[in-house]
């Protein structure tokens, strides 16, 4: 478009958007998925690629396990999204996991 100025600092691809979001702050998987308007499968796939990309730059994709809001049980898993139920109390009150690039 004539007269349009492109901001070179703005991420252009989905994966650049993921990297940009996770570099600024720690994000919950579902929060990030909704913000970027992606499906679970798309975000998981992109995070696998992002993990390799940031590793090449000397950074790491950190995954802090999900936590049950009902009983406080914390999953130690690096799974990108939590199971449907808490393994401890069988509740459906799981939050997380939280992701960030460090």
N, C-alpha and C. Protein backbone atom coordinates (compact mmCIF):
# COMPACT_ATOMS: atom_id res chain seq x y z
N UNK A 1 0.83 -1.17 0.00
CA UNK A 1 0.00 0.00 0.00
C UNK A 1 0.88 1.24 0.00
N UNK A 2 0.61 2.19 -0.83
CA UNK A 2 1.39 3.41 -0.82
C UNK A 2 1.15 4.16 0.48
N UNK A 3 2.22 4.70 1.02
CA UNK A 3 2.14 5.50 2.23
C UNK A 3 2.16 4.68 3.51
N UNK A 4 2.18 3.33 3.42
CA UNK A 4 2.21 2.48 4.61
C UNK A 4 3.65 2.32 5.05
N UNK A 5 3.87 2.50 6.33
CA UNK A 5 5.22 2.33 6.89
C UNK A 5 5.23 1.02 7.67
N UNK A 6 6.14 0.14 7.32
CA UNK A 6 6.27 -1.13 8.03
C UNK A 6 7.19 -0.94 9.22
N UNK A 7 6.76 -1.46 10.37
CA UNK A 7 7.58 -1.43 11.57
C UNK A 7 8.47 -2.67 11.54
N UNK A 8 9.76 -2.49 11.35
CA UNK A 8 10.66 -3.63 11.22
C UNK A 8 10.84 -4.38 12.53
N UNK A 9 10.45 -3.80 13.65
CA UNK A 9 10.57 -4.47 14.94
C UNK A 9 9.37 -5.37 15.24
N UNK A 10 8.31 -5.26 14.46
CA UNK A 10 7.13 -6.08 14.69
C UNK A 10 7.35 -7.47 14.10
N UNK A 11 7.01 -8.52 14.87
CA UNK A 11 7.13 -9.88 14.34
C UNK A 11 6.16 -10.09 13.18
N UNK A 12 6.62 -10.84 12.17
CA UNK A 12 5.79 -11.03 10.99
C UNK A 12 5.23 -12.45 10.89
N UNK A 13 5.95 -13.44 11.34
CA UNK A 13 5.45 -14.81 11.26
C UNK A 13 4.85 -15.23 12.59
N UNK A 14 4.08 -16.30 12.57
CA UNK A 14 3.50 -16.82 13.82
C UNK A 14 4.58 -17.16 14.83
N UNK A 15 5.64 -17.80 14.37
CA UNK A 15 6.70 -18.21 15.30
C UNK A 15 7.45 -17.01 15.85
N UNK A 16 7.63 -15.98 15.05
CA UNK A 16 8.23 -14.74 15.57
C UNK A 16 7.32 -14.11 16.62
N UNK A 17 6.01 -14.20 16.41
CA UNK A 17 5.07 -13.67 17.39
C UNK A 17 5.17 -14.44 18.71
N UNK A 18 5.32 -15.75 18.62
CA UNK A 18 5.47 -16.58 19.82
C UNK A 18 6.75 -16.19 20.56
N UNK A 19 7.86 -16.07 19.83
CA UNK A 19 9.13 -15.70 20.45
C UNK A 19 9.02 -14.33 21.10
N UNK A 20 8.42 -13.38 20.40
CA UNK A 20 8.27 -12.02 20.92
C UNK A 20 7.45 -12.03 22.21
N UNK A 21 6.36 -12.77 22.24
CA UNK A 21 5.50 -12.82 23.42
C UNK A 21 6.19 -13.48 24.61
N UNK A 22 6.95 -14.55 24.36
CA UNK A 22 7.59 -15.27 25.45
C UNK A 22 8.88 -14.62 25.93
N UNK A 23 9.44 -13.74 25.14
CA UNK A 23 10.66 -13.03 25.56
C UNK A 23 10.29 -11.92 26.53
N UNK A 24 9.12 -11.33 26.34
CA UNK A 24 8.69 -10.22 27.20
C UNK A 24 8.29 -10.67 28.59
N UNK A 25 7.59 -11.82 28.71
CA UNK A 25 7.08 -12.25 30.01
C UNK A 25 6.72 -13.73 29.97
N UNK A 26 6.60 -14.33 31.14
CA UNK A 26 6.14 -15.70 31.26
C UNK A 26 4.65 -15.73 30.93
N UNK A 27 4.22 -16.73 30.15
CA UNK A 27 2.82 -16.81 29.71
C UNK A 27 2.28 -18.21 29.95
N UNK A 28 1.02 -18.27 30.30
CA UNK A 28 0.35 -19.55 30.41
C UNK A 28 0.02 -20.04 29.00
N UNK A 29 0.12 -21.34 28.78
CA UNK A 29 -0.09 -21.92 27.45
C UNK A 29 -1.41 -21.47 26.84
N UNK A 30 -2.51 -21.64 27.58
CA UNK A 30 -3.83 -21.29 27.02
C UNK A 30 -3.97 -19.79 26.79
N UNK A 31 -3.39 -18.98 27.65
CA UNK A 31 -3.42 -17.52 27.47
C UNK A 31 -2.73 -17.14 26.16
N UNK A 32 -1.55 -17.72 25.94
CA UNK A 32 -0.79 -17.44 24.72
C UNK A 32 -1.56 -17.92 23.49
N UNK A 33 -2.15 -19.10 23.59
CA UNK A 33 -2.91 -19.67 22.47
C UNK A 33 -4.08 -18.77 22.08
N UNK A 34 -4.81 -18.28 23.09
CA UNK A 34 -5.95 -17.39 22.81
C UNK A 34 -5.47 -16.05 22.25
N UNK A 35 -4.40 -15.51 22.82
CA UNK A 35 -3.89 -14.22 22.36
C UNK A 35 -3.46 -14.26 20.90
N UNK A 36 -2.81 -15.35 20.51
CA UNK A 36 -2.32 -15.48 19.14
C UNK A 36 -3.34 -16.14 18.21
N UNK A 37 -4.51 -16.48 18.75
CA UNK A 37 -5.60 -17.09 17.98
C UNK A 37 -5.13 -18.33 17.23
N UNK A 38 -4.55 -19.26 17.99
CA UNK A 38 -4.02 -20.50 17.42
C UNK A 38 -4.73 -21.68 18.06
N UNK A 39 -4.68 -22.82 17.37
CA UNK A 39 -5.18 -24.06 17.96
C UNK A 39 -4.09 -24.64 18.85
N UNK A 40 -4.46 -25.59 19.69
CA UNK A 40 -3.48 -26.25 20.55
C UNK A 40 -2.40 -26.89 19.69
N UNK A 41 -2.80 -27.58 18.65
CA UNK A 41 -1.85 -28.28 17.78
C UNK A 41 -0.89 -27.30 17.10
N UNK A 42 -1.40 -26.18 16.60
CA UNK A 42 -0.54 -25.18 15.95
C UNK A 42 0.49 -24.61 16.92
N UNK A 43 0.03 -24.27 18.13
CA UNK A 43 0.96 -23.70 19.10
C UNK A 43 1.99 -24.72 19.55
N UNK A 44 1.59 -25.96 19.78
CA UNK A 44 2.56 -26.99 20.16
C UNK A 44 3.62 -27.17 19.07
N UNK A 45 3.18 -27.23 17.83
CA UNK A 45 4.11 -27.39 16.71
C UNK A 45 5.07 -26.20 16.63
N UNK A 46 4.52 -25.00 16.75
CA UNK A 46 5.37 -23.81 16.69
C UNK A 46 6.35 -23.75 17.86
N UNK A 47 5.91 -24.18 19.05
CA UNK A 47 6.81 -24.16 20.21
C UNK A 47 7.97 -25.12 20.03
N UNK A 48 7.74 -26.24 19.37
CA UNK A 48 8.84 -27.19 19.11
C UNK A 48 9.90 -26.53 18.21
N UNK A 49 9.45 -25.79 17.21
CA UNK A 49 10.39 -25.08 16.32
C UNK A 49 11.05 -23.91 17.04
N UNK A 50 10.27 -23.19 17.83
CA UNK A 50 10.79 -22.05 18.59
C UNK A 50 11.89 -22.53 19.53
N UNK A 51 11.68 -23.67 20.16
CA UNK A 51 12.67 -24.22 21.09
C UNK A 51 14.02 -24.42 20.40
N UNK A 52 14.00 -24.95 19.19
CA UNK A 52 15.25 -25.14 18.44
C UNK A 52 15.85 -23.80 18.01
N UNK A 53 15.01 -22.87 17.59
CA UNK A 53 15.49 -21.57 17.13
C UNK A 53 16.17 -20.79 18.25
N UNK A 54 15.54 -20.75 19.41
CA UNK A 54 16.13 -19.96 20.50
C UNK A 54 17.36 -20.65 21.07
N UNK A 55 17.40 -21.97 21.02
CA UNK A 55 18.60 -22.69 21.47
C UNK A 55 19.80 -22.32 20.62
N UNK A 56 19.57 -22.13 19.32
CA UNK A 56 20.66 -21.73 18.41
C UNK A 56 21.18 -20.33 18.75
N UNK A 57 20.34 -19.52 19.40
CA UNK A 57 20.76 -18.16 19.80
C UNK A 57 21.29 -18.13 21.22
N UNK A 58 21.42 -19.31 21.85
CA UNK A 58 21.95 -19.37 23.20
C UNK A 58 20.90 -19.14 24.28
N UNK A 59 19.63 -19.25 23.95
CA UNK A 59 18.56 -19.08 24.91
C UNK A 59 17.84 -20.40 25.10
N UNK A 60 16.86 -20.41 26.01
CA UNK A 60 16.11 -21.63 26.28
C UNK A 60 14.63 -21.35 26.41
N UNK A 61 13.82 -22.27 25.94
CA UNK A 61 12.39 -22.23 26.18
C UNK A 61 12.16 -22.95 27.50
N UNK A 62 11.73 -22.22 28.52
CA UNK A 62 11.47 -22.78 29.84
C UNK A 62 10.00 -23.15 29.95
N UNK A 63 9.74 -24.34 30.44
CA UNK A 63 8.38 -24.81 30.65
C UNK A 63 8.24 -25.17 32.13
N UNK A 64 7.44 -24.40 32.86
CA UNK A 64 7.16 -24.70 34.26
C UNK A 64 5.83 -25.42 34.31
N UNK A 65 5.82 -26.61 34.90
CA UNK A 65 4.66 -27.49 34.89
C UNK A 65 3.37 -26.88 35.39
N UNK A 66 2.28 -27.52 35.01
CA UNK A 66 0.94 -27.08 35.41
C UNK A 66 0.73 -27.32 36.90
N UNK A 67 -0.24 -26.61 37.47
CA UNK A 67 -0.55 -26.74 38.88
C UNK A 67 -2.06 -26.84 39.07
N UNK A 68 -2.48 -27.71 39.98
CA UNK A 68 -3.89 -27.86 40.29
C UNK A 68 -4.31 -26.75 41.24
N UNK A 69 -5.34 -26.03 40.87
CA UNK A 69 -5.84 -24.95 41.72
C UNK A 69 -6.68 -25.50 42.87
N UNK A 70 -7.11 -26.75 42.78
CA UNK A 70 -7.92 -27.35 43.82
C UNK A 70 -7.09 -27.84 45.00
N UNK A 71 -6.03 -28.62 44.72
CA UNK A 71 -5.25 -29.22 45.81
C UNK A 71 -3.82 -28.69 45.88
N UNK A 72 -3.38 -27.93 44.88
CA UNK A 72 -2.02 -27.38 44.89
C UNK A 72 -0.96 -28.29 44.29
N UNK A 73 -1.35 -29.48 43.83
CA UNK A 73 -0.38 -30.40 43.23
C UNK A 73 0.26 -29.77 42.00
N UNK A 74 1.61 -29.87 41.92
CA UNK A 74 2.34 -29.29 40.79
C UNK A 74 2.91 -30.41 39.95
N UNK A 75 2.58 -30.42 38.68
CA UNK A 75 3.10 -31.42 37.76
C UNK A 75 4.52 -31.04 37.37
N UNK A 76 5.43 -31.97 37.44
CA UNK A 76 6.83 -31.72 37.10
C UNK A 76 7.08 -31.88 35.60
N UNK A 77 6.08 -32.24 34.88
CA UNK A 77 6.18 -32.53 33.46
C UNK A 77 6.52 -31.29 32.62
N UNK A 78 7.23 -31.52 31.53
CA UNK A 78 7.50 -30.46 30.55
C UNK A 78 6.44 -30.47 29.45
N UNK A 79 5.34 -31.16 29.69
CA UNK A 79 4.26 -31.21 28.71
C UNK A 79 3.76 -29.80 28.44
N UNK A 80 3.45 -29.51 27.19
CA UNK A 80 3.05 -28.17 26.82
C UNK A 80 1.62 -27.82 27.21
N UNK A 81 0.78 -28.81 27.47
CA UNK A 81 -0.53 -28.52 28.03
C UNK A 81 -0.86 -29.60 29.05
N UNK A 82 -1.62 -29.24 30.08
CA UNK A 82 -1.85 -30.18 31.18
C UNK A 82 -2.83 -31.29 30.80
N UNK A 83 -2.83 -32.36 31.59
CA UNK A 83 -3.84 -33.41 31.37
C UNK A 83 -5.22 -32.86 31.73
N UNK A 84 -6.24 -33.59 31.41
CA UNK A 84 -7.60 -33.15 31.68
C UNK A 84 -7.95 -33.10 33.16
N UNK A 85 -7.30 -33.95 33.96
CA UNK A 85 -7.59 -34.02 35.39
C UNK A 85 -6.28 -34.03 36.19
N UNK A 86 -6.39 -33.57 37.42
CA UNK A 86 -5.24 -33.60 38.34
C UNK A 86 -4.96 -35.05 38.72
N UNK A 87 -3.70 -35.50 38.65
CA UNK A 87 -3.39 -36.87 39.02
C UNK A 87 -3.55 -37.12 40.52
N UNK A 88 -3.58 -36.07 41.32
CA UNK A 88 -3.68 -36.22 42.76
C UNK A 88 -5.14 -36.25 43.24
N UNK A 89 -5.93 -35.23 42.90
CA UNK A 89 -7.30 -35.13 43.42
C UNK A 89 -8.37 -35.40 42.36
N UNK A 90 -7.97 -35.62 41.12
CA UNK A 90 -8.87 -35.86 40.00
C UNK A 90 -9.73 -34.66 39.64
N UNK A 91 -9.38 -33.47 40.16
CA UNK A 91 -10.12 -32.25 39.86
C UNK A 91 -9.79 -31.72 38.47
N UNK A 92 -10.60 -30.80 38.01
CA UNK A 92 -10.43 -30.20 36.69
C UNK A 92 -9.92 -28.77 36.78
N UNK A 93 -9.19 -28.44 37.83
CA UNK A 93 -8.79 -27.06 38.09
C UNK A 93 -7.31 -26.82 37.77
N UNK A 94 -6.84 -27.36 36.69
CA UNK A 94 -5.42 -27.22 36.34
C UNK A 94 -5.15 -25.91 35.62
N UNK A 95 -4.06 -25.25 35.99
CA UNK A 95 -3.59 -24.03 35.34
C UNK A 95 -2.17 -24.28 34.86
N UNK A 96 -1.81 -23.60 33.77
CA UNK A 96 -0.46 -23.75 33.27
C UNK A 96 -0.44 -24.71 32.11
N UNK A 97 0.68 -25.10 31.66
CA UNK A 97 2.02 -24.72 32.13
C UNK A 97 2.36 -23.28 31.74
N UNK A 98 3.39 -22.78 32.35
CA UNK A 98 3.86 -21.43 32.05
C UNK A 98 5.12 -21.52 31.22
N UNK A 99 5.19 -20.72 30.19
CA UNK A 99 6.28 -20.75 29.22
C UNK A 99 7.00 -19.41 29.21
N UNK A 100 8.31 -19.46 28.98
CA UNK A 100 9.07 -18.22 28.80
C UNK A 100 10.38 -18.55 28.13
N UNK A 101 10.96 -17.53 27.52
CA UNK A 101 12.28 -17.68 26.90
C UNK A 101 13.27 -16.96 27.78
N UNK A 102 14.27 -17.69 28.21
CA UNK A 102 15.28 -17.11 29.11
C UNK A 102 16.66 -17.23 28.50
